[in-house]
Amino acid sequence: MTTTAVAVGKRSGRSLITEQEFDMLAAFCADEYGLERCVANQVVDQALALTYVMGTTRSGSVMAPSQLVDPGWHTLILHTDWYADWCQRHFGYFLHHQPNSKLRSRGLMTSVTGRIRSAGFEVDDRLWGTSSECNAPTCCGDGPCC
């Protein structure tokens, strides 16, 4: 008997919500933070993956978004009714915002992206300052990443 391994594709943060919800959040992020829509799409995607991992693992106190993903995280929490409902459906509790941006470092961002990858999500290293080529605009500017 021959066994064939099937590669499991990575999922996106975007896959956690409807297209209408994603469009609403990405449009807000682009407008509110002055981002091009294609960038806002990636930022919101990564924020959703981060938030999902923080919520499902109850690790919000030890994880943080990069400076570039932070607008996506804020976009989610600024839509309070939607965000509260989404948290309840996915985690069974409201995941509070616990600002710890002063703790950002390349090491922390590498740990965070590792956790996101381990949960099966795609990671855009350009937004986390963890790319092997730490040159602008790859480097997020958080802590001693460059």
N, C-alpha and C. Protein backbone atom coordinates (compact mmCIF):
# COMPACT_ATOMS: atom_id res chain seq x y z
N MET A 1 0.84 -1.18 0.00
CA MET A 1 0.00 0.00 0.00
C MET A 1 0.88 1.24 0.00
N THR A 2 0.59 2.16 -0.90
CA THR A 2 1.36 3.39 -1.01
C THR A 2 0.59 4.53 -0.36
N THR A 3 1.29 5.29 0.45
CA THR A 3 0.68 6.45 1.10
C THR A 3 1.22 7.70 0.44
N THR A 4 0.34 8.58 0.07
CA THR A 4 0.74 9.84 -0.55
C THR A 4 0.49 10.97 0.43
N ALA A 5 1.51 11.76 0.67
CA ALA A 5 1.37 12.92 1.56
C ALA A 5 0.70 14.04 0.79
N VAL A 6 -0.25 14.66 1.40
CA VAL A 6 -0.94 15.79 0.80
C VAL A 6 -0.49 17.06 1.51
N ALA A 7 0.02 17.98 0.76
CA ALA A 7 0.46 19.25 1.34
C ALA A 7 -0.75 20.07 1.76
N VAL A 8 -0.71 20.53 2.98
CA VAL A 8 -1.79 21.36 3.48
C VAL A 8 -1.40 22.81 3.28
N GLY A 9 -2.24 23.54 2.58
CA GLY A 9 -1.95 24.94 2.31
C GLY A 9 -2.12 25.79 3.55
N LYS A 10 -1.40 26.86 3.59
CA LYS A 10 -1.52 27.81 4.68
C LYS A 10 -2.80 28.59 4.49
N ARG A 11 -3.39 28.99 5.58
CA ARG A 11 -4.60 29.80 5.50
C ARG A 11 -4.26 31.26 5.73
N SER A 12 -5.15 32.11 5.35
CA SER A 12 -4.94 33.54 5.53
C SER A 12 -5.82 34.05 6.65
N GLY A 13 -5.44 35.17 7.23
CA GLY A 13 -6.30 35.82 8.21
C GLY A 13 -7.62 36.21 7.58
N ARG A 14 -7.53 36.59 6.35
CA ARG A 14 -8.72 37.00 5.59
C ARG A 14 -9.78 35.91 5.54
N SER A 15 -9.36 34.66 5.57
CA SER A 15 -10.30 33.54 5.48
C SER A 15 -11.16 33.39 6.74
N LEU A 16 -10.85 34.13 7.78
CA LEU A 16 -11.59 34.03 9.03
C LEU A 16 -12.88 34.85 9.05
N ILE A 17 -13.07 35.68 8.03
CA ILE A 17 -14.24 36.56 7.99
C ILE A 17 -14.83 36.54 6.58
N THR A 18 -16.00 37.11 6.43
CA THR A 18 -16.63 37.18 5.12
C THR A 18 -15.93 38.23 4.26
N GLU A 19 -16.16 38.13 2.96
CA GLU A 19 -15.59 39.13 2.05
C GLU A 19 -16.11 40.53 2.36
N GLN A 20 -17.39 40.63 2.72
CA GLN A 20 -17.98 41.93 3.05
C GLN A 20 -17.32 42.52 4.30
N GLU A 21 -17.08 41.68 5.30
CA GLU A 21 -16.41 42.16 6.51
C GLU A 21 -14.98 42.60 6.19
N PHE A 22 -14.29 41.78 5.40
CA PHE A 22 -12.92 42.12 5.05
C PHE A 22 -12.87 43.44 4.29
N ASP A 23 -13.77 43.62 3.34
CA ASP A 23 -13.80 44.84 2.56
C ASP A 23 -14.05 46.06 3.46
N MET A 24 -14.98 45.94 4.40
CA MET A 24 -15.27 47.03 5.33
C MET A 24 -14.03 47.39 6.16
N LEU A 25 -13.36 46.38 6.69
CA LEU A 25 -12.20 46.62 7.56
C LEU A 25 -11.01 47.15 6.77
N ALA A 26 -10.73 46.57 5.61
CA ALA A 26 -9.59 47.01 4.81
C ALA A 26 -9.80 48.42 4.28
N ALA A 27 -11.02 48.75 3.89
CA ALA A 27 -11.30 50.11 3.41
C ALA A 27 -11.11 51.12 4.54
N PHE A 28 -11.58 50.78 5.73
CA PHE A 28 -11.40 51.66 6.88
C PHE A 28 -9.91 51.84 7.18
N CYS A 29 -9.17 50.74 7.20
CA CYS A 29 -7.74 50.79 7.50
C CYS A 29 -7.00 51.67 6.50
N ALA A 30 -7.32 51.51 5.23
CA ALA A 30 -6.67 52.32 4.20
C ALA A 30 -6.98 53.80 4.41
N ASP A 31 -8.23 54.12 4.64
CA ASP A 31 -8.65 55.51 4.81
C ASP A 31 -8.12 56.12 6.10
N GLU A 32 -8.28 55.40 7.19
CA GLU A 32 -7.90 55.92 8.52
C GLU A 32 -6.39 56.11 8.68
N TYR A 33 -5.60 55.21 8.10
CA TYR A 33 -4.15 55.24 8.29
C TYR A 33 -3.39 55.67 7.05
N GLY A 34 -4.11 56.11 6.01
CA GLY A 34 -3.46 56.62 4.81
C GLY A 34 -2.65 55.59 4.05
N LEU A 35 -3.13 54.35 4.04
CA LEU A 35 -2.43 53.27 3.35
C LEU A 35 -3.04 53.02 1.98
N GLU A 36 -2.22 52.58 1.05
CA GLU A 36 -2.77 52.11 -0.22
C GLU A 36 -3.61 50.88 0.09
N ARG A 37 -4.66 50.68 -0.68
CA ARG A 37 -5.58 49.59 -0.38
C ARG A 37 -4.89 48.23 -0.39
N CYS A 38 -3.96 48.01 -1.31
CA CYS A 38 -3.28 46.71 -1.35
C CYS A 38 -2.47 46.48 -0.08
N VAL A 39 -1.90 47.53 0.48
CA VAL A 39 -1.16 47.43 1.74
C VAL A 39 -2.13 47.19 2.90
N ALA A 40 -3.22 47.94 2.92
CA ALA A 40 -4.23 47.76 3.97
C ALA A 40 -4.78 46.34 3.96
N ASN A 41 -4.95 45.76 2.78
CA ASN A 41 -5.41 44.37 2.69
C ASN A 41 -4.45 43.44 3.43
N GLN A 42 -3.18 43.60 3.20
CA GLN A 42 -2.18 42.75 3.86
C GLN A 42 -2.12 43.01 5.36
N VAL A 43 -2.21 44.27 5.74
CA VAL A 43 -2.15 44.64 7.15
C VAL A 43 -3.33 44.03 7.91
N VAL A 44 -4.53 44.14 7.36
CA VAL A 44 -5.72 43.58 8.02
C VAL A 44 -5.64 42.06 8.04
N ASP A 45 -5.17 41.46 6.96
CA ASP A 45 -5.00 40.01 6.91
C ASP A 45 -4.09 39.53 8.05
N GLN A 46 -2.96 40.19 8.21
CA GLN A 46 -2.02 39.79 9.26
C GLN A 46 -2.56 40.07 10.66
N ALA A 47 -3.30 41.17 10.80
CA ALA A 47 -3.91 41.49 12.10
C ALA A 47 -4.95 40.44 12.49
N LEU A 48 -5.72 39.97 11.52
CA LEU A 48 -6.70 38.92 11.80
C LEU A 48 -6.03 37.63 12.25
N ALA A 49 -4.97 37.23 11.55
CA ALA A 49 -4.25 36.02 11.94
C ALA A 49 -3.66 36.17 13.34
N LEU A 50 -3.04 37.31 13.60
CA LEU A 50 -2.46 37.58 14.92
C LEU A 50 -3.53 37.51 16.00
N THR A 51 -4.64 38.19 15.78
CA THR A 51 -5.71 38.25 16.78
C THR A 51 -6.29 36.86 17.03
N TYR A 52 -6.45 36.10 15.96
CA TYR A 52 -6.98 34.74 16.11
C TYR A 52 -6.04 33.89 16.96
N VAL A 53 -4.75 33.97 16.71
CA VAL A 53 -3.79 33.18 17.48
C VAL A 53 -3.76 33.67 18.93
N MET A 54 -3.76 34.97 19.14
CA MET A 54 -3.79 35.48 20.52
C MET A 54 -5.02 34.98 21.26
N GLY A 55 -6.17 35.03 20.59
CA GLY A 55 -7.42 34.64 21.23
C GLY A 55 -7.55 33.15 21.48
N THR A 56 -7.15 32.34 20.51
CA THR A 56 -7.32 30.89 20.67
C THR A 56 -6.28 30.29 21.60
N THR A 57 -5.16 30.97 21.80
CA THR A 57 -4.12 30.45 22.69
C THR A 57 -4.04 31.23 24.00
N ARG A 58 -4.91 32.23 24.14
CA ARG A 58 -4.91 33.08 25.34
C ARG A 58 -3.52 33.65 25.62
N SER A 59 -2.88 34.12 24.56
CA SER A 59 -1.51 34.64 24.68
C SER A 59 -1.43 36.13 24.33
N GLY A 60 -2.52 36.85 24.49
CA GLY A 60 -2.53 38.27 24.17
C GLY A 60 -1.55 39.09 24.99
N SER A 61 -1.22 38.63 26.18
CA SER A 61 -0.31 39.41 27.02
C SER A 61 1.16 39.24 26.64
N VAL A 62 1.47 38.25 25.81
CA VAL A 62 2.86 38.02 25.43
C VAL A 62 3.10 38.19 23.94
N MET A 63 2.05 38.58 23.21
CA MET A 63 2.19 38.80 21.77
C MET A 63 1.86 40.26 21.48
N ALA A 64 2.42 40.77 20.39
CA ALA A 64 2.15 42.15 19.99
C ALA A 64 2.27 42.25 18.48
N PRO A 65 1.54 43.17 17.88
CA PRO A 65 1.70 43.39 16.45
C PRO A 65 2.96 44.22 16.20
N SER A 66 3.51 44.10 15.01
CA SER A 66 4.60 44.98 14.62
C SER A 66 4.03 46.39 14.43
N GLN A 67 4.89 47.33 14.26
CA GLN A 67 4.44 48.71 14.02
C GLN A 67 3.58 48.78 12.76
N LEU A 68 3.91 47.97 11.76
CA LEU A 68 3.16 48.01 10.51
C LEU A 68 1.84 47.25 10.57
N VAL A 69 1.72 46.25 11.44
CA VAL A 69 0.48 45.49 11.58
C VAL A 69 -0.45 46.16 12.60
N ASP A 70 0.09 47.00 13.45
CA ASP A 70 -0.70 47.66 14.50
C ASP A 70 -1.94 48.39 13.96
N PRO A 71 -1.87 49.11 12.83
CA PRO A 71 -3.10 49.73 12.32
C PRO A 71 -4.20 48.72 12.01
N GLY A 72 -3.84 47.54 11.61
CA GLY A 72 -4.84 46.49 11.36
C GLY A 72 -5.48 46.03 12.65
N TRP A 73 -4.69 45.85 13.69
CA TRP A 73 -5.19 45.47 15.01
C TRP A 73 -6.14 46.54 15.52
N HIS A 74 -5.74 47.80 15.38
CA HIS A 74 -6.62 48.89 15.81
C HIS A 74 -7.89 48.97 14.97
N THR A 75 -7.78 48.67 13.70
CA THR A 75 -8.97 48.65 12.84
C THR A 75 -9.99 47.65 13.38
N LEU A 76 -9.52 46.48 13.77
CA LEU A 76 -10.44 45.46 14.30
C LEU A 76 -11.12 45.96 15.57
N ILE A 77 -10.33 46.44 16.51
CA ILE A 77 -10.91 46.80 17.80
C ILE A 77 -11.73 48.08 17.76
N LEU A 78 -11.50 48.93 16.76
CA LEU A 78 -12.31 50.15 16.63
C LEU A 78 -13.72 49.84 16.14
N HIS A 79 -13.92 48.69 15.54
CA HIS A 79 -15.25 48.24 15.13
C HIS A 79 -15.80 47.38 16.27
N THR A 80 -16.10 48.03 17.39
CA THR A 80 -16.34 47.34 18.66
C THR A 80 -17.46 46.31 18.63
N ASP A 81 -18.60 46.64 18.05
CA ASP A 81 -19.69 45.67 18.00
C ASP A 81 -19.28 44.44 17.20
N TRP A 82 -18.72 44.67 16.03
CA TRP A 82 -18.28 43.57 15.18
C TRP A 82 -17.20 42.76 15.89
N TYR A 83 -16.20 43.45 16.46
CA TYR A 83 -15.07 42.80 17.11
C TYR A 83 -15.52 41.96 18.32
N ALA A 84 -16.39 42.51 19.15
CA ALA A 84 -16.88 41.77 20.31
C ALA A 84 -17.59 40.49 19.88
N ASP A 85 -18.42 40.58 18.85
CA ASP A 85 -19.13 39.42 18.35
C ASP A 85 -18.16 38.40 17.76
N TRP A 86 -17.19 38.87 16.99
CA TRP A 86 -16.20 37.98 16.37
C TRP A 86 -15.40 37.25 17.45
N CYS A 87 -14.96 37.97 18.46
CA CYS A 87 -14.22 37.33 19.56
C CYS A 87 -15.06 36.26 20.24
N GLN A 88 -16.29 36.59 20.53
CA GLN A 88 -17.17 35.63 21.21
C GLN A 88 -17.36 34.36 20.39
N ARG A 89 -17.56 34.52 19.09
CA ARG A 89 -17.76 33.36 18.22
C ARG A 89 -16.51 32.50 18.11
N HIS A 90 -15.33 33.13 18.05
CA HIS A 90 -14.09 32.38 17.84
C HIS A 90 -13.42 31.91 19.12
N PHE A 91 -13.52 32.71 20.19
CA PHE A 91 -12.77 32.39 21.41
C PHE A 91 -13.65 32.11 22.61
N GLY A 92 -14.88 32.61 22.58
CA GLY A 92 -15.75 32.47 23.73
C GLY A 92 -15.55 33.54 24.77
N TYR A 93 -14.73 34.54 24.45
CA TYR A 93 -14.49 35.66 25.36
C TYR A 93 -14.02 36.86 24.54
N PHE A 94 -14.04 38.03 25.16
CA PHE A 94 -13.59 39.26 24.52
C PHE A 94 -12.09 39.41 24.74
N LEU A 95 -11.33 39.45 23.67
CA LEU A 95 -9.87 39.63 23.74
C LEU A 95 -9.59 41.12 23.85
N HIS A 96 -9.14 41.53 25.01
CA HIS A 96 -8.87 42.95 25.26
C HIS A 96 -7.54 43.38 24.63
N HIS A 97 -7.48 44.63 24.32
CA HIS A 97 -6.25 45.25 23.82
C HIS A 97 -5.34 45.50 25.02
N GLN A 98 -4.14 44.99 24.95
CA GLN A 98 -3.16 45.18 26.03
C GLN A 98 -1.91 45.78 25.42
N PRO A 99 -1.88 47.11 25.29
CA PRO A 99 -0.74 47.74 24.60
C PRO A 99 0.59 47.39 25.26
N ASN A 100 1.50 46.91 24.45
CA ASN A 100 2.86 46.64 24.92
C ASN A 100 3.87 46.92 23.81
N SER A 101 3.63 48.01 23.08
CA SER A 101 4.48 48.33 21.94
C SER A 101 5.92 48.61 22.34
N LYS A 102 6.15 49.00 23.58
CA LYS A 102 7.52 49.26 24.00
C LYS A 102 8.34 47.96 24.08
N LEU A 103 7.65 46.83 24.06
CA LEU A 103 8.34 45.55 24.13
C LEU A 103 8.71 45.00 22.77
N ARG A 104 8.34 45.70 21.70
CA ARG A 104 8.63 45.20 20.36
C ARG A 104 10.13 45.07 20.14
N SER A 105 10.52 43.97 19.62
CA SER A 105 11.91 43.73 19.25
C SER A 105 11.89 42.72 18.12
N ARG A 106 12.99 42.57 17.46
CA ARG A 106 13.07 41.57 16.39
C ARG A 106 12.80 40.19 16.97
N GLY A 107 13.31 39.91 18.16
CA GLY A 107 13.08 38.62 18.81
C GLY A 107 11.60 38.37 19.06
N LEU A 108 10.90 39.38 19.58
CA LEU A 108 9.47 39.22 19.84
C LEU A 108 8.72 39.02 18.53
N MET A 109 9.04 39.82 17.52
CA MET A 109 8.34 39.69 16.25
C MET A 109 8.59 38.32 15.62
N THR A 110 9.79 37.79 15.78
CA THR A 110 10.11 36.45 15.28
C THR A 110 9.28 35.41 16.04
N SER A 111 9.16 35.58 17.35
CA SER A 111 8.34 34.67 18.15
C SER A 111 6.88 34.73 17.74
N VAL A 112 6.37 35.93 17.55
CA VAL A 112 4.97 36.12 17.16
C VAL A 112 4.71 35.49 15.80
N THR A 113 5.58 35.75 14.84
CA THR A 113 5.37 35.17 13.51
C THR A 113 5.50 33.66 13.55
N GLY A 114 6.35 33.14 14.40
CA GLY A 114 6.47 31.70 14.56
C GLY A 114 5.18 31.09 15.08
N ARG A 115 4.55 31.75 16.03
CA ARG A 115 3.27 31.27 16.57
C ARG A 115 2.17 31.33 15.50
N ILE A 116 2.18 32.39 14.72
CA ILE A 116 1.17 32.53 13.66
C ILE A 116 1.37 31.43 12.62
N ARG A 117 2.61 31.19 12.22
CA ARG A 117 2.91 30.12 11.26
C ARG A 117 2.50 28.76 11.82
N SER A 118 2.82 28.53 13.08
CA SER A 118 2.49 27.25 13.72
C SER A 118 0.99 26.99 13.73
N ALA A 119 0.21 28.06 13.74
CA ALA A 119 -1.25 27.92 13.71
C ALA A 119 -1.76 27.72 12.29
N GLY A 120 -0.85 27.68 11.32
CA GLY A 120 -1.23 27.39 9.95
C GLY A 120 -1.49 28.59 9.06
N PHE A 121 -1.12 29.77 9.52
CA PHE A 121 -1.38 30.98 8.74
C PHE A 121 -0.16 31.39 7.92
N GLU A 122 -0.43 32.03 6.78
CA GLU A 122 0.61 32.67 5.99
C GLU A 122 1.11 33.89 6.76
N VAL A 123 2.39 34.17 6.67
CA VAL A 123 2.97 35.34 7.32
C VAL A 123 3.67 36.18 6.26
N ASP A 124 3.38 37.46 6.24
CA ASP A 124 4.06 38.39 5.35
C ASP A 124 5.20 39.04 6.15
N ASP A 125 6.38 38.45 6.04
CA ASP A 125 7.52 38.91 6.84
C ASP A 125 7.85 40.38 6.63
N ARG A 126 7.49 40.93 5.48
CA ARG A 126 7.77 42.35 5.22
C ARG A 126 7.07 43.26 6.22
N LEU A 127 5.94 42.79 6.76
CA LEU A 127 5.17 43.61 7.71
C LEU A 127 5.58 43.39 9.16
N TRP A 128 6.47 42.44 9.39
CA TRP A 128 6.85 42.10 10.76
C TRP A 128 8.30 42.44 11.10
N GLY A 129 9.07 42.87 10.11
CA GLY A 129 10.48 43.19 10.39
C GLY A 129 11.30 41.95 10.66
N THR A 130 10.88 40.82 10.10
CA THR A 130 11.59 39.56 10.36
C THR A 130 12.19 38.97 9.10
N SER A 131 12.14 39.70 8.02
CA SER A 131 12.71 39.20 6.78
C SER A 131 14.22 39.05 6.91
N SER A 132 14.77 38.09 6.21
CA SER A 132 16.22 37.89 6.27
C SER A 132 16.96 39.08 5.69
N GLU A 133 16.31 39.82 4.81
CA GLU A 133 16.91 41.02 4.25
C GLU A 133 16.32 42.21 4.98
N CYS A 134 16.98 42.68 6.00
CA CYS A 134 16.43 43.73 6.84
C CYS A 134 16.80 45.11 6.30
N ASN A 135 16.21 45.44 5.17
CA ASN A 135 16.41 46.74 4.56
C ASN A 135 15.06 47.39 4.33
N ALA A 136 15.01 48.70 4.37
CA ALA A 136 13.76 49.40 4.13
C ALA A 136 13.24 49.03 2.76
N PRO A 137 11.95 48.80 2.53
CA PRO A 137 10.89 48.88 3.55
C PRO A 137 10.63 47.58 4.28
N THR A 138 11.53 46.58 4.13
CA THR A 138 11.32 45.30 4.80
C THR A 138 11.33 45.44 6.30
N CYS A 139 12.24 46.21 6.83
CA CYS A 139 12.36 46.35 8.28
C CYS A 139 11.27 47.26 8.80
N CYS A 140 10.58 46.81 9.84
CA CYS A 140 9.45 47.58 10.34
C CYS A 140 9.87 48.75 11.20
N GLY A 141 11.09 48.78 11.66
CA GLY A 141 11.53 49.90 12.49
C GLY A 141 11.22 49.72 13.96
N ASP A 142 10.72 48.55 14.35
CA ASP A 142 10.42 48.30 15.75
C ASP A 142 11.67 47.78 16.44
N GLY A 143 12.07 48.43 17.49
CA GLY A 143 13.19 47.94 18.28
C GLY A 143 14.44 47.77 17.45
N PRO A 144 15.31 46.85 17.86
CA PRO A 144 16.60 46.68 17.19
C PRO A 144 16.56 45.69 16.03
N CYS A 145 15.57 45.81 15.15
CA CYS A 145 15.45 44.81 14.09
C CYS A 145 16.48 45.00 12.99
N CYS A 146 17.01 46.18 12.84
CA CYS A 146 18.02 46.40 11.79
C CYS A 146 19.37 46.68 12.38
